[in-house]
C-alpha atoms as a PDB file:
ATOM      1  CA  MET A   1      -8.358  12.060  11.656  1.00  0.00           C
ATOM      2  CA  LYS A   2      -8.991  10.218  14.639  1.00  0.00           C
ATOM      3  CA  GLU A   3      -7.029  10.338  17.950  1.00  0.00           C
ATOM      4  CA  PHE A   4      -5.362   7.015  19.161  1.00  0.00           C
ATOM      5  CA  SER A   5      -7.158   4.297  21.329  1.00  0.00           C
ATOM      6  CA  SER A   6      -5.584   2.664  23.932  1.00  0.00           C
ATOM      7  CA  ASN A   7      -5.307  -0.336  21.776  1.00  0.00           C
ATOM      8  CA  ASP A   8      -2.714   1.513  19.417  1.00  0.00           C
ATOM      9  CA  ASP A   9       0.373  -0.037  21.421  1.00  0.00           C
ATOM     10  CA  LYS A  10       2.090  -1.898  18.398  1.00  0.00           C
ATOM     11  CA  TYR A  11       4.027   1.058  17.898  1.00  0.00           C
ATOM     12  CA  SER A  12       5.712   3.798  19.945  1.00  0.00           C
ATOM     13  CA  LEU A  13       3.945   7.237  20.216  1.00  0.00           C
ATOM     14  CA  ARG A  14       6.068   8.662  17.854  1.00  0.00           C
ATOM     15  CA  GLY A  15       5.784   5.821  15.530  1.00  0.00           C
ATOM     16  CA  ARG A  16       2.065   6.010  15.795  1.00  0.00           C
ATOM     17  CA  VAL A  17       1.623   9.422  14.962  1.00  0.00           C
ATOM     18  CA  TYR A  18       4.322   9.177  12.001  1.00  0.00           C
ATOM     19  CA  ASN A  19       2.037   6.149  10.340  1.00  0.00           C
ATOM     20  CA  ARG A  20      -1.022   8.300  10.972  1.00  0.00           C
ATOM     21  CA  VAL A  21       0.333  11.477   9.270  1.00  0.00           C
ATOM     22  CA  ARG A  22       2.019   9.607   6.492  1.00  0.00           C
ATOM     23  CA  GLU A  23      -1.116   7.530   5.577  1.00  0.00           C
ATOM     24  CA  SER A  24      -2.947  10.701   5.587  1.00  0.00           C
ATOM     25  CA  ILE A  25      -0.228  12.339   2.932  1.00  0.00           C
ATOM     26  CA  LEU A  26      -0.085   9.400   0.708  1.00  0.00           C
ATOM     27  CA  ASP A  27      -4.130   8.696   0.764  1.00  0.00           C
ATOM     28  CA  GLY A  28      -4.471  12.451  -0.294  1.00  0.00           C
ATOM     29  CA  THR A  29      -6.200  13.525   2.845  1.00  0.00           C
ATOM     30  CA  TYR A  30      -3.303  16.138   2.900  1.00  0.00           C
ATOM     31  CA  LYS A  31      -2.592  17.092  -0.502  1.00  0.00           C
ATOM     32  CA  SER A  32       0.423  18.677  -1.846  1.00  0.00           C
ATOM     33  CA  GLY A  33       1.204  21.942  -0.909  1.00  0.00           C
ATOM     34  CA  GLU A  34      -0.647  21.912   2.289  1.00  0.00           C
ATOM     35  CA  ASN A  35       0.672  23.154   5.392  1.00  0.00           C
ATOM     36  CA  LEU A  36       0.843  20.879   8.548  1.00  0.00           C
ATOM     37  CA  ILE A  37       0.446  22.533  11.714  1.00  0.00           C
ATOM     38  CA  GLU A  38       2.219  20.650  14.910  1.00  0.00           C
ATOM     39  CA  MET A  39      -0.349  22.200  17.305  1.00  0.00           C
ATOM     40  CA  ARG A  40      -3.314  21.263  15.066  1.00  0.00           C
ATOM     41  CA  LEU A  41      -2.343  17.837  14.463  1.00  0.00           C
ATOM     42  CA  ALA A  42      -1.469  17.380  18.190  1.00  0.00           C
ATOM     43  CA  GLN A  43      -5.233  18.184  19.093  1.00  0.00           C
ATOM     44  CA  GLU A  44      -6.527  15.826  16.374  1.00  0.00           C
ATOM     45  CA  LEU A  45      -4.548  13.168  17.403  1.00  0.00           C
ATOM     46  CA  ASN A  46      -5.021  13.894  21.291  1.00  0.00           C
ATOM     47  CA  VAL A  47      -1.007  13.946  21.885  1.00  0.00           C
ATOM     48  CA  SER A  48       1.779  16.300  22.797  1.00  0.00           C
ATOM     49  CA  ARG A  49       3.584  18.112  20.081  1.00  0.00           C
ATOM     50  CA  THR A  50       6.608  16.318  20.687  1.00  0.00           C
ATOM     51  CA  PRO A  51       5.588  13.306  19.140  1.00  0.00           C
ATOM     52  CA  VAL A  52       4.229  15.166  16.458  1.00  0.00           C
ATOM     53  CA  ARG A  53       7.437  17.111  15.766  1.00  0.00           C
ATOM     54  CA  GLU A  54       9.493  14.000  15.864  1.00  0.00           C
ATOM     55  CA  ALA A  55       7.279  12.242  13.461  1.00  0.00           C
ATOM     56  CA  ILE A  56       7.464  15.520  10.960  1.00  0.00           C
ATOM     57  CA  ARG A  57      11.358  15.261  11.026  1.00  0.00           C
ATOM     58  CA  GLN A  58      11.273  11.550   9.790  1.00  0.00           C
ATOM     59  CA  LEU A  59       8.574  12.479   7.148  1.00  0.00           C
ATOM     60  CA  GLU A  60      11.055  15.301   5.943  1.00  0.00           C
ATOM     61  CA  LEU A  61      14.145  12.779   5.798  1.00  0.00           C
ATOM     62  CA  GLU A  62      11.662  10.666   3.524  1.00  0.00           C
ATOM     63  CA  GLY A  63      10.848  13.652   1.428  1.00  0.00           C
ATOM     64  CA  LEU A  64       7.012  13.710   1.958  1.00  0.00           C
ATOM     65  CA  VAL A  65       7.252  16.948   3.506  1.00  0.00           C
ATOM     66  CA  GLU A  66       9.516  20.217   3.708  1.00  0.00           C
ATOM     67  CA  SER A  67      10.320  22.750   6.101  1.00  0.00           C
ATOM     68  CA  ILE A  68      10.489  26.210   4.636  1.00  0.00           C
ATOM     69  CA  PRO A  69      11.358  29.355   6.648  1.00  0.00           C
ATOM     70  CA  ASN A  70       8.404  31.735   7.323  1.00  0.00           C
ATOM     71  CA  LYS A  71       5.842  29.223   5.682  1.00  0.00           C
ATOM     72  CA  GLY A  72       6.404  26.014   7.881  1.00  0.00           C
ATOM     73  CA  VAL A  73       5.951  22.650   7.148  1.00  0.00           C
ATOM     74  CA  ILE A  74       4.526  21.963   3.573  1.00  0.00           C
ATOM     75  CA  VAL A  75       3.565  18.849   2.291  1.00  0.00           C
ATOM     76  CA  LYS A  76       5.462  17.409  -0.850  1.00  0.00           C
ATOM     77  CA  GLY A  77       4.000  13.865  -1.192  1.00  0.00           C
ATOM     78  CA  ILE A  78       4.660  11.585  -4.046  1.00  0.00           C
ATOM     79  CA  THR A  79       6.020  12.947  -7.061  1.00  0.00           C
ATOM     80  CA  GLN A  80       5.742  11.247 -10.683  1.00  0.00           C
ATOM     81  CA  LYS A  81       9.357  10.089 -10.464  1.00  0.00           C
ATOM     82  CA  ASP A  82       8.854   8.598  -6.742  1.00  0.00           C
ATOM     83  CA  MET A  83       5.582   6.573  -8.328  1.00  0.00           C
ATOM     84  CA  LYS A  84       7.921   5.198 -11.240  1.00  0.00           C
ATOM     85  CA  ASP A  85      10.851   4.299  -8.877  1.00  0.00           C
ATOM     86  CA  ILE A  86       8.391   2.294  -6.687  1.00  0.00           C
ATOM     87  CA  TYR A  87       6.714   0.537  -9.610  1.00  0.00           C
ATOM     88  CA  LYS A  88      10.033  -0.491 -10.853  1.00  0.00           C
ATOM     89  CA  ILE A  89      11.110  -1.820  -7.631  1.00  0.00           C
ATOM     90  CA  ARG A  90       7.607  -3.623  -7.019  1.00  0.00           C
ATOM     91  CA  LEU A  91       8.101  -5.266 -10.408  1.00  0.00           C
ATOM     92  CA  LEU A  92      11.302  -6.832  -9.541  1.00  0.00           C
ATOM     93  CA  LEU A  93      10.255  -7.741  -5.460  1.00  0.00           C
ATOM     94  CA  GLU A  94       6.710  -8.956  -6.214  1.00  0.00           C
ATOM     95  CA  GLY A  95       8.083 -11.393  -9.099  1.00  0.00           C
ATOM     96  CA  LEU A  96      10.484 -12.628  -6.230  1.00  0.00           C
ATOM     97  CA  ALA A  97       7.802 -12.957  -3.548  1.00  0.00           C
ATOM     98  CA  ALA A  98       5.749 -14.707  -5.938  1.00  0.00           C
ATOM     99  CA  LYS A  99       8.345 -17.591  -6.782  1.00  0.00           C
ATOM    100  CA  TRP A 100       9.043 -17.863  -2.647  1.00  0.00           C
ATOM    101  CA  SER A 101       5.517 -17.748  -1.787  1.00  0.00           C
ATOM    102  CA  VAL A 102       4.661 -20.882  -4.105  1.00  0.00           C
ATOM    103  CA  ASN A 103       7.774 -22.914  -2.409  1.00  0.00           C
ATOM    104  CA  GLU A 104       6.414 -21.930   0.959  1.00  0.00           C
ATOM    105  CA  ILE A 105       2.670 -21.279   1.031  1.00  0.00           C
ATOM    106  CA  SER A 106       0.372 -23.430   3.143  1.00  0.00           C
ATOM    107  CA  ASP A 107      -2.740 -25.007   2.034  1.00  0.00           C
ATOM    108  CA  GLU A 108      -4.352 -22.865   4.591  1.00  0.00           C
ATOM    109  CA  SER A 109      -3.232 -19.614   3.127  1.00  0.00           C
ATOM    110  CA  ILE A 110      -4.211 -20.750  -0.638  1.00  0.00           C
ATOM    111  CA  LYS A 111      -7.677 -21.437   0.646  1.00  0.00           C
ATOM    112  CA  GLU A 112      -7.429 -17.848   2.343  1.00  0.00           C
ATOM    113  CA  LEU A 113      -6.380 -16.780  -1.082  1.00  0.00           C
ATOM    114  CA  GLN A 114      -9.061 -18.182  -3.034  1.00  0.00           C
ATOM    115  CA  GLU A 115     -11.875 -16.625  -0.268  1.00  0.00           C
ATOM    116  CA  THR A 116     -10.194 -13.254  -0.855  1.00  0.00           C
ATOM    117  CA  PHE A 117     -10.205 -13.306  -4.543  1.00  0.00           C
ATOM    118  CA  GLU A 118     -14.078 -14.689  -4.374  1.00  0.00           C
ATOM    119  CA  LEU A 119     -14.769 -11.385  -2.449  1.00  0.00           C
ATOM    120  CA  MET A 120     -13.145  -9.421  -5.134  1.00  0.00           C
ATOM    121  CA  GLU A 121     -15.280 -10.905  -7.693  1.00  0.00           C
ATOM    122  CA  PHE A 122     -18.351 -10.254  -5.534  1.00  0.00           C
ATOM    123  CA  TYR A 123     -17.324  -6.527  -5.152  1.00  0.00           C
ATOM    124  CA  THR A 124     -16.122  -6.112  -8.570  1.00  0.00           C
ATOM    125  CA  ASN A 125     -19.815  -7.131  -9.846  1.00  0.00           C
ATOM    126  CA  LYS A 126     -20.975  -4.516  -7.550  1.00  0.00           C
ATOM    127  CA  GLY A 127     -18.406  -1.888  -8.738  1.00  0.00           C
ATOM    128  CA  ASP A 128     -17.483  -1.169  -5.030  1.00  0.00           C
ATOM    129  CA  ILE A 129     -14.053   0.034  -5.192  1.00  0.00           C
ATOM    130  CA  GLU A 130     -13.531   0.700  -1.766  1.00  0.00           C
ATOM    131  CA  ASN A 131     -13.783  -2.932  -0.932  1.00  0.00           C
ATOM    132  CA  ILE A 132     -11.845  -4.323  -4.060  1.00  0.00           C
ATOM    133  CA  GLU A 133      -8.954  -2.092  -2.819  1.00  0.00           C
ATOM    134  CA  ARG A 134      -9.177  -3.670   0.792  1.00  0.00           C
ATOM    135  CA  LEU A 135      -9.320  -7.084  -0.337  1.00  0.00           C
ATOM    136  CA  ASN A 136      -6.463  -6.263  -3.303  1.00  0.00           C
ATOM    137  CA  THR A 137      -4.088  -5.269  -0.116  1.00  0.00           C
ATOM    138  CA  LYS A 138      -4.976  -8.417   1.629  1.00  0.00           C
ATOM    139  CA  PHE A 139      -4.514 -10.574  -1.718  1.00  0.00           C
ATOM    140  CA  HIS A 140      -1.144  -9.331  -2.033  1.00  0.00           C
ATOM    141  CA  GLN A 141      -0.371  -9.325   1.847  1.00  0.00           C
ATOM    142  CA  ILE A 142      -1.138 -13.202   1.943  1.00  0.00           C
ATOM    143  CA  ILE A 143       1.415 -13.704  -0.867  1.00  0.00           C
ATOM    144  CA  TYR A 144       3.958 -11.579   0.938  1.00  0.00           C
ATOM    145  CA  GLU A 145       3.543 -13.291   4.359  1.00  0.00           C
ATOM    146  CA  SER A 146       3.796 -16.835   2.429  1.00  0.00           C
ATOM    147  CA  THR A 147       7.254 -15.915   1.297  1.00  0.00           C
ATOM    148  CA  LYS A 148       8.169 -16.274   4.938  1.00  0.00           C
ATOM    149  CA  SER A 149      10.614 -13.545   4.902  1.00  0.00           C
ATOM    150  CA  ASN A 150      10.735 -10.877   7.151  1.00  0.00           C
ATOM    151  CA  VAL A 151      12.559  -8.516   5.249  1.00  0.00           C
ATOM    152  CA  LEU A 152      10.537  -8.903   1.850  1.00  0.00           C
ATOM    153  CA  LEU A 153       7.520  -8.599   3.778  1.00  0.00           C
ATOM    154  CA  HIS A 154       8.415  -5.122   5.783  1.00  0.00           C
ATOM    155  CA  ILE A 155       9.449  -3.800   2.023  1.00  0.00           C
ATOM    156  CA  LEU A 156       6.386  -4.763  -0.015  1.00  0.00           C
ATOM    157  CA  LYS A 157       4.114  -3.756   2.964  1.00  0.00           C
ATOM    158  CA  ASP A 158       5.507  -0.444   2.908  1.00  0.00           C
ATOM    159  CA  PHE A 159       5.062   0.122  -0.745  1.00  0.00           C
ATOM    160  CA  GLN A 160       1.309  -0.958  -0.383  1.00  0.00           C
ATOM    161  CA  VAL A 161       1.286   2.335   1.712  1.00  0.00           C
ATOM    162  CA  TYR A 162       2.869   4.438  -1.018  1.00  0.00           C
ATOM    163  CA  VAL A 163       0.546   2.845  -3.954  1.00  0.00           C
ATOM    164  CA  LYS A 164      -2.875   3.419  -1.783  1.00  0.00           C
ATOM    165  CA  LEU A 165      -4.223   6.354  -3.570  1.00  0.00           C
ATOM    166  CA  ALA A 166      -2.548   5.430  -6.746  1.00  0.00           C
ATOM    167  CA  ARG A 167      -4.230   1.933  -6.781  1.00  0.00           C
ATOM    168  CA  HIS A 168      -7.574   3.815  -6.127  1.00  0.00           C
ATOM    169  CA  GLU A 169      -7.333   5.857  -9.249  1.00  0.00           C
ATOM    170  CA  SER A 170      -6.458   3.095 -11.345  1.00  0.00           C
ATOM    171  CA  LEU A 171      -9.041   1.136 -10.470  1.00  0.00           C
ATOM    172  CA  ALA A 172     -11.599   4.087 -11.319  1.00  0.00           C
ATOM    173  CA  ILE A 173     -10.559   3.979 -14.963  1.00  0.00           C
ATOM    174  CA  PRO A 174     -13.303   2.088 -16.784  1.00  0.00           C
ATOM    175  CA  GLY A 175     -12.713  -1.174 -17.136  1.00  0.00           C
ATOM    176  CA  ARG A 176      -9.766  -1.567 -15.115  1.00  0.00           C
ATOM    177  CA  MET A 177     -11.564  -3.564 -12.085  1.00  0.00           C
ATOM    178  CA  LYS A 178     -12.395  -6.612 -14.489  1.00  0.00           C
ATOM    179  CA  GLU A 179      -8.936  -6.658 -15.727  1.00  0.00           C
ATOM    180  CA  SER A 180      -7.322  -6.249 -12.370  1.00  0.00           C
ATOM    181  CA  LEU A 181      -9.677  -9.370 -11.081  1.00  0.00           C
ATOM    182  CA  LYS A 182      -8.687 -11.540 -14.367  1.00  0.00           C
ATOM    183  CA  GLU A 183      -5.116 -11.027 -13.570  1.00  0.00           C
ATOM    184  CA  HIS A 184      -5.624 -11.814  -9.747  1.00  0.00           C
ATOM    185  CA  SER A 185      -7.501 -15.249 -11.197  1.00  0.00           C
ATOM    186  CA  GLU A 186      -4.637 -15.990 -13.215  1.00  0.00           C
ATOM    187  CA  ILE A 187      -2.039 -15.389 -10.312  1.00  0.00           C
ATOM    188  CA  LEU A 188      -3.955 -17.300  -7.792  1.00  0.00           C
ATOM    189  CA  ASP A 189      -4.381 -20.563 -10.446  1.00  0.00           C
ATOM    190  CA  ALA A 190      -0.429 -20.287 -10.942  1.00  0.00           C
ATOM    191  CA  ILE A 191       0.132 -20.482  -7.011  1.00  0.00           C
ATOM    192  CA  LYS A 192      -2.575 -23.170  -6.614  1.00  0.00           C
ATOM    193  CA  ASN A 193      -0.856 -25.194  -9.373  1.00  0.00           C
ATOM    194  CA  ARG A 194       2.504 -24.267  -7.437  1.00  0.00           C
ATOM    195  CA  ASP A 195       3.744 -22.989 -10.805  1.00  0.00           C
ATOM    196  CA  TYR A 196       6.223 -20.464  -9.717  1.00  0.00           C
ATOM    197  CA  VAL A 197       7.448 -19.384 -13.152  1.00  0.00           C
ATOM    198  CA  GLN A 198       4.052 -18.502 -13.908  1.00  0.00           C
ATOM    199  CA  ALA A 199       3.251 -16.958 -10.427  1.00  0.00           C
ATOM    200  CA  GLU A 200       6.242 -14.784 -11.244  1.00  0.00           C
ATOM    201  CA  ARG A 201       4.891 -14.065 -14.682  1.00  0.00           C
ATOM    202  CA  TYR A 202       1.395 -13.129 -13.777  1.00  0.00           C
ATOM    203  CA  LEU A 203       2.214 -11.108 -10.774  1.00  0.00           C
ATOM    204  CA  THR A 204       4.785  -8.955 -12.293  1.00  0.00           C
ATOM    205  CA  ASN A 205       2.215  -8.462 -15.675  1.00  0.00           C
ATOM    206  CA  HIS A 206      -0.296  -7.343 -12.853  1.00  0.00           C
ATOM    207  CA  VAL A 207       1.856  -4.771 -11.338  1.00  0.00           C
ATOM    208  CA  GLU A 208       2.945  -3.670 -14.890  1.00  0.00           C
ATOM    209  CA  ASN A 209      -0.330  -3.197 -16.003  1.00  0.00           C
ATOM    210  CA  SER A 210      -1.282  -1.304 -12.862  1.00  0.00           C
ATOM    211  CA  SER A 211       1.973   1.153 -13.520  1.00  0.00           C
ATOM    212  CA  LYS A 212       0.793   1.855 -16.658  1.00  0.00           C
ATOM    213  CA  ASN A 213      -2.733   3.138 -15.562  1.00  0.00           C
ATOM    214  CA  VAL A 214      -1.333   5.016 -12.668  1.00  0.00           C
ATOM    215  CA  LEU A 215       1.637   6.593 -14.642  1.00  0.00           C
ATOM    216  CA  LYS A 216      -0.742   8.306 -17.524  1.00  0.00           C
END
């Protein structure tokens, strides 16, 4: 884990520590059952123990870690039920995002969506999961931002963080990368055609297929 740079001023110090540790839990860097030691985290991030302690309290409220007497802070991570709930909520919200984005998306954003898809296609042919993951996140992010809804954007961006590890595992399943590319192609075409019915259908279908792979 890297220490913070002087450019990390988007969040408060506690917020930055919280986001970094949470991401490390959700991407599997810190695994379920692992002990989180305040002093070690503070040294790794080059901060005092106070923001680390505050961040851990926030993570405990979210259920990602648990303080156990005589054992310390233990990583709980995401349970199977958590993931099921996340995907059920995503099915509803991503469909809504598709409908709203079709009405609001600019020609410039459609062009960016097209370019992102073309890069996804390039890396799919190379079998490069890491770049596909990055571009997948960007593709969905463009749609979220095009809804012009700060509330929906915030919620769905948060879910993107929660499904990061699951997405990697899903894409690693044989044949899933090409299936996912086809699904993104359908979403892109529907948005380009300004067809909110099809956009909602294809985006929810994509999320549902992803959830089936992950929940296996």
